Amino acid sequence: MKNPIAIFLIVVGLAMLLAVFYAGYKSFQTFTVEINAQGDVVQALAENSGILIELLVKVAFLAVALAAGSVVLGRGVDLLKGCPQG
Protein backbone atom coordinates (compact mmCIF):
# COMPACT_ATOMS: atom_id res chain seq x y z
CA MET A 1 0.00 0.00 0.00
CA LYS A 2 1.17 3.50 -0.79
CA ASN A 3 2.24 5.79 2.01
CA PRO A 4 -0.88 7.78 3.05
CA ILE A 5 1.22 10.69 4.32
CA ALA A 6 2.92 10.97 0.92
CA ILE A 7 -0.44 10.98 -0.88
CA PHE A 8 -1.73 13.63 1.54
CA LEU A 9 1.33 15.84 0.97
CA ILE A 10 0.98 15.50 -2.80
CA VAL A 11 -2.69 16.46 -2.67
CA VAL A 12 -2.02 19.42 -0.36
CA GLY A 13 0.92 20.57 -2.52
CA LEU A 14 -1.14 20.39 -5.69
CA ALA A 15 -4.01 22.23 -4.01
CA MET A 16 -1.62 24.98 -2.90
CA LEU A 17 -0.19 25.32 -6.40
CA LEU A 18 -3.64 25.44 -7.97
CA ALA A 19 -4.76 28.06 -5.43
CA VAL A 20 -1.75 30.22 -6.28
CA PHE A 21 -2.43 29.86 -10.00
CA TYR A 22 -6.09 30.75 -9.49
CA ALA A 23 -5.29 33.79 -7.35
CA GLY A 24 -2.70 35.02 -9.84
CA TYR A 25 -4.97 34.50 -12.82
CA LYS A 26 -7.92 36.17 -11.10
CA SER A 27 -5.75 39.17 -10.20
CA PHE A 28 -4.47 39.34 -13.76
CA GLN A 29 -7.99 39.30 -15.20
CA THR A 30 -9.33 42.02 -12.89
CA PHE A 31 -6.26 44.28 -12.71
CA THR A 32 -6.59 47.79 -14.06
CA VAL A 33 -4.25 50.73 -13.58
CA GLU A 34 -4.82 54.41 -13.99
CA ILE A 35 -1.39 56.00 -13.86
CA ASN A 36 -1.09 59.75 -13.62
CA ALA A 37 2.03 60.41 -15.69
CA GLN A 38 2.22 64.18 -15.54
CA GLY A 39 5.61 65.72 -14.98
CA ASP A 40 8.94 63.94 -14.85
CA VAL A 41 9.63 60.30 -13.99
CA VAL A 42 10.37 60.93 -10.32
CA GLN A 43 7.09 62.77 -9.81
CA ALA A 44 5.13 60.04 -11.64
CA LEU A 45 6.73 57.34 -9.46
CA ALA A 46 6.03 59.32 -6.29
CA GLU A 47 2.37 59.79 -7.19
CA ASN A 48 1.86 56.16 -8.13
CA SER A 49 3.99 54.53 -5.45
CA GLY A 50 0.90 53.07 -3.73
CA ILE A 51 0.07 51.04 -6.83
CA LEU A 52 3.64 49.82 -7.11
CA ILE A 53 3.80 48.78 -3.44
CA GLU A 54 0.48 46.94 -3.73
CA LEU A 55 1.74 45.04 -6.78
CA LEU A 56 4.98 44.19 -5.01
CA VAL A 57 3.16 42.78 -1.99
CA LYS A 58 0.86 40.66 -4.18
CA VAL A 59 3.75 39.26 -6.21
CA ALA A 60 5.77 38.51 -3.06
CA PHE A 61 2.82 36.69 -1.47
CA LEU A 62 2.25 34.61 -4.60
CA ALA A 63 5.95 33.77 -4.79
CA VAL A 64 6.08 32.60 -1.17
CA ALA A 65 2.90 30.55 -1.58
CA LEU A 66 4.24 29.01 -4.79
CA ALA A 67 7.52 28.08 -3.10
CA ALA A 68 5.69 26.54 -0.13
CA GLY A 69 3.42 24.51 -2.43
CA SER A 70 6.41 23.29 -4.41
CA VAL A 71 8.24 22.19 -1.26
CA VAL A 72 5.21 20.32 0.08
CA LEU A 73 4.64 18.62 -3.28
CA GLY A 74 8.32 17.70 -3.55
CA ARG A 75 8.37 16.17 -0.05
CA GLY A 76 5.29 14.13 -0.91
CA VAL A 77 6.88 12.82 -4.10
CA ASP A 78 10.09 12.00 -2.23
CA LEU A 79 8.13 10.05 0.38
CA LEU A 80 6.17 8.23 -2.32
CA LYS A 81 9.36 7.23 -4.13
CA GLY A 82 11.03 6.19 -0.90
CA CYS A 83 13.93 8.60 -1.30
CA PRO A 84 15.90 9.37 1.84
CA GLN A 85 15.35 12.88 3.11
CA GLY A 86 18.30 14.94 4.11
C-alpha atoms as a PDB file:
ATOM      1  CA  MET A   1       0.000   0.000   0.000  1.00  0.00           C
ATOM      2  CA  LYS A   2       1.173   3.500  -0.788  1.00  0.00           C
ATOM      3  CA  ASN A   3       2.235   5.790   2.011  1.00  0.00           C
ATOM      4  CA  PRO A   4      -0.881   7.780   3.053  1.00  0.00           C
ATOM      5  CA  ILE A   5       1.222  10.689   4.324  1.00  0.00           C
ATOM      6  CA  ALA A   6       2.915  10.966   0.919  1.00  0.00           C
ATOM      7  CA  ILE A   7      -0.439  10.982  -0.880  1.00  0.00           C
ATOM      8  CA  PHE A   8      -1.725  13.630   1.544  1.00  0.00           C
ATOM      9  CA  LEU A   9       1.333  15.839   0.971  1.00  0.00           C
ATOM     10  CA  ILE A  10       0.983  15.500  -2.801  1.00  0.00           C
ATOM     11  CA  VAL A  11      -2.695  16.457  -2.672  1.00  0.00           C
ATOM     12  CA  VAL A  12      -2.016  19.417  -0.361  1.00  0.00           C
ATOM     13  CA  GLY A  13       0.916  20.570  -2.516  1.00  0.00           C
ATOM     14  CA  LEU A  14      -1.145  20.393  -5.692  1.00  0.00           C
ATOM     15  CA  ALA A  15      -4.010  22.232  -4.008  1.00  0.00           C
ATOM     16  CA  MET A  16      -1.622  24.984  -2.903  1.00  0.00           C
ATOM     17  CA  LEU A  17      -0.186  25.322  -6.405  1.00  0.00           C
ATOM     18  CA  LEU A  18      -3.642  25.439  -7.968  1.00  0.00           C
ATOM     19  CA  ALA A  19      -4.764  28.058  -5.427  1.00  0.00           C
ATOM     20  CA  VAL A  20      -1.746  30.219  -6.284  1.00  0.00           C
ATOM     21  CA  PHE A  21      -2.432  29.856  -9.998  1.00  0.00           C
ATOM     22  CA  TYR A  22      -6.094  30.753  -9.494  1.00  0.00           C
ATOM     23  CA  ALA A  23      -5.289  33.790  -7.349  1.00  0.00           C
ATOM     24  CA  GLY A  24      -2.701  35.025  -9.836  1.00  0.00           C
ATOM     25  CA  TYR A  25      -4.971  34.497 -12.822  1.00  0.00           C
ATOM     26  CA  LYS A  26      -7.920  36.175 -11.095  1.00  0.00           C
ATOM     27  CA  SER A  27      -5.751  39.166 -10.201  1.00  0.00           C
ATOM     28  CA  PHE A  28      -4.466  39.343 -13.757  1.00  0.00           C
ATOM     29  CA  GLN A  29      -7.988  39.305 -15.201  1.00  0.00           C
ATOM     30  CA  THR A  30      -9.328  42.022 -12.894  1.00  0.00           C
ATOM     31  CA  PHE A  31      -6.261  44.279 -12.707  1.00  0.00           C
ATOM     32  CA  THR A  32      -6.591  47.793 -14.064  1.00  0.00           C
ATOM     33  CA  VAL A  33      -4.246  50.725 -13.578  1.00  0.00           C
ATOM     34  CA  GLU A  34      -4.821  54.410 -13.985  1.00  0.00           C
ATOM     35  CA  ILE A  35      -1.392  55.998 -13.865  1.00  0.00           C
ATOM     36  CA  ASN A  36      -1.086  59.748 -13.623  1.00  0.00           C
ATOM     37  CA  ALA A  37       2.031  60.409 -15.689  1.00  0.00           C
ATOM     38  CA  GLN A  38       2.217  64.181 -15.544  1.00  0.00           C
ATOM     39  CA  GLY A  39       5.612  65.720 -14.979  1.00  0.00           C
ATOM     40  CA  ASP A  40       8.939  63.943 -14.851  1.00  0.00           C
ATOM     41  CA  VAL A  41       9.634  60.299 -13.994  1.00  0.00           C
ATOM     42  CA  VAL A  42      10.369  60.935 -10.317  1.00  0.00           C
ATOM     43  CA  GLN A  43       7.095  62.775  -9.815  1.00  0.00           C
ATOM     44  CA  ALA A  44       5.128  60.039 -11.641  1.00  0.00           C
ATOM     45  CA  LEU A  45       6.728  57.340  -9.459  1.00  0.00           C
ATOM     46  CA  ALA A  46       6.032  59.316  -6.289  1.00  0.00           C
ATOM     47  CA  GLU A  47       2.369  59.793  -7.191  1.00  0.00           C
ATOM     48  CA  ASN A  48       1.857  56.159  -8.133  1.00  0.00           C
ATOM     49  CA  SER A  49       3.986  54.526  -5.446  1.00  0.00           C
ATOM     50  CA  GLY A  50       0.898  53.071  -3.728  1.00  0.00           C
ATOM     51  CA  ILE A  51       0.070  51.044  -6.829  1.00  0.00           C
ATOM     52  CA  LEU A  52       3.642  49.821  -7.113  1.00  0.00           C
ATOM     53  CA  ILE A  53       3.797  48.783  -3.441  1.00  0.00           C
ATOM     54  CA  GLU A  54       0.479  46.945  -3.734  1.00  0.00           C
ATOM     55  CA  LEU A  55       1.741  45.044  -6.780  1.00  0.00           C
ATOM     56  CA  LEU A  56       4.984  44.187  -5.014  1.00  0.00           C
ATOM     57  CA  VAL A  57       3.155  42.785  -1.988  1.00  0.00           C
ATOM     58  CA  LYS A  58       0.857  40.658  -4.184  1.00  0.00           C
ATOM     59  CA  VAL A  59       3.750  39.259  -6.209  1.00  0.00           C
ATOM     60  CA  ALA A  60       5.769  38.512  -3.059  1.00  0.00           C
ATOM     61  CA  PHE A  61       2.822  36.693  -1.473  1.00  0.00           C
ATOM     62  CA  LEU A  62       2.248  34.612  -4.599  1.00  0.00           C
ATOM     63  CA  ALA A  63       5.954  33.770  -4.794  1.00  0.00           C
ATOM     64  CA  VAL A  64       6.082  32.599  -1.169  1.00  0.00           C
ATOM     65  CA  ALA A  65       2.896  30.553  -1.580  1.00  0.00           C
ATOM     66  CA  LEU A  66       4.243  29.009  -4.791  1.00  0.00           C
ATOM     67  CA  ALA A  67       7.518  28.084  -3.101  1.00  0.00           C
ATOM     68  CA  ALA A  68       5.689  26.535  -0.135  1.00  0.00           C
ATOM     69  CA  GLY A  69       3.424  24.514  -2.426  1.00  0.00           C
ATOM     70  CA  SER A  70       6.414  23.293  -4.411  1.00  0.00           C
ATOM     71  CA  VAL A  71       8.240  22.189  -1.264  1.00  0.00           C
ATOM     72  CA  VAL A  72       5.206  20.316   0.084  1.00  0.00           C
ATOM     73  CA  LEU A  73       4.641  18.624  -3.275  1.00  0.00           C
ATOM     74  CA  GLY A  74       8.316  17.705  -3.549  1.00  0.00           C
ATOM     75  CA  ARG A  75       8.366  16.174  -0.054  1.00  0.00           C
ATOM     76  CA  GLY A  76       5.289  14.129  -0.909  1.00  0.00           C
ATOM     77  CA  VAL A  77       6.876  12.823  -4.102  1.00  0.00           C
ATOM     78  CA  ASP A  78      10.091  11.996  -2.228  1.00  0.00           C
ATOM     79  CA  LEU A  79       8.127  10.048   0.377  1.00  0.00           C
ATOM     80  CA  LEU A  80       6.171   8.234  -2.323  1.00  0.00           C
ATOM     81  CA  LYS A  81       9.362   7.233  -4.132  1.00  0.00           C
ATOM     82  CA  GLY A  82      11.026   6.192  -0.896  1.00  0.00           C
ATOM     83  CA  CYS A  83      13.935   8.596  -1.295  1.00  0.00           C
ATOM     84  CA  PRO A  84      15.897   9.367   1.837  1.00  0.00           C
ATOM     85  CA  GLN A  85      15.352  12.880   3.115  1.00  0.00           C
ATOM     86  CA  GLY A  86      18.296  14.937   4.107  1.00  0.00           C
END
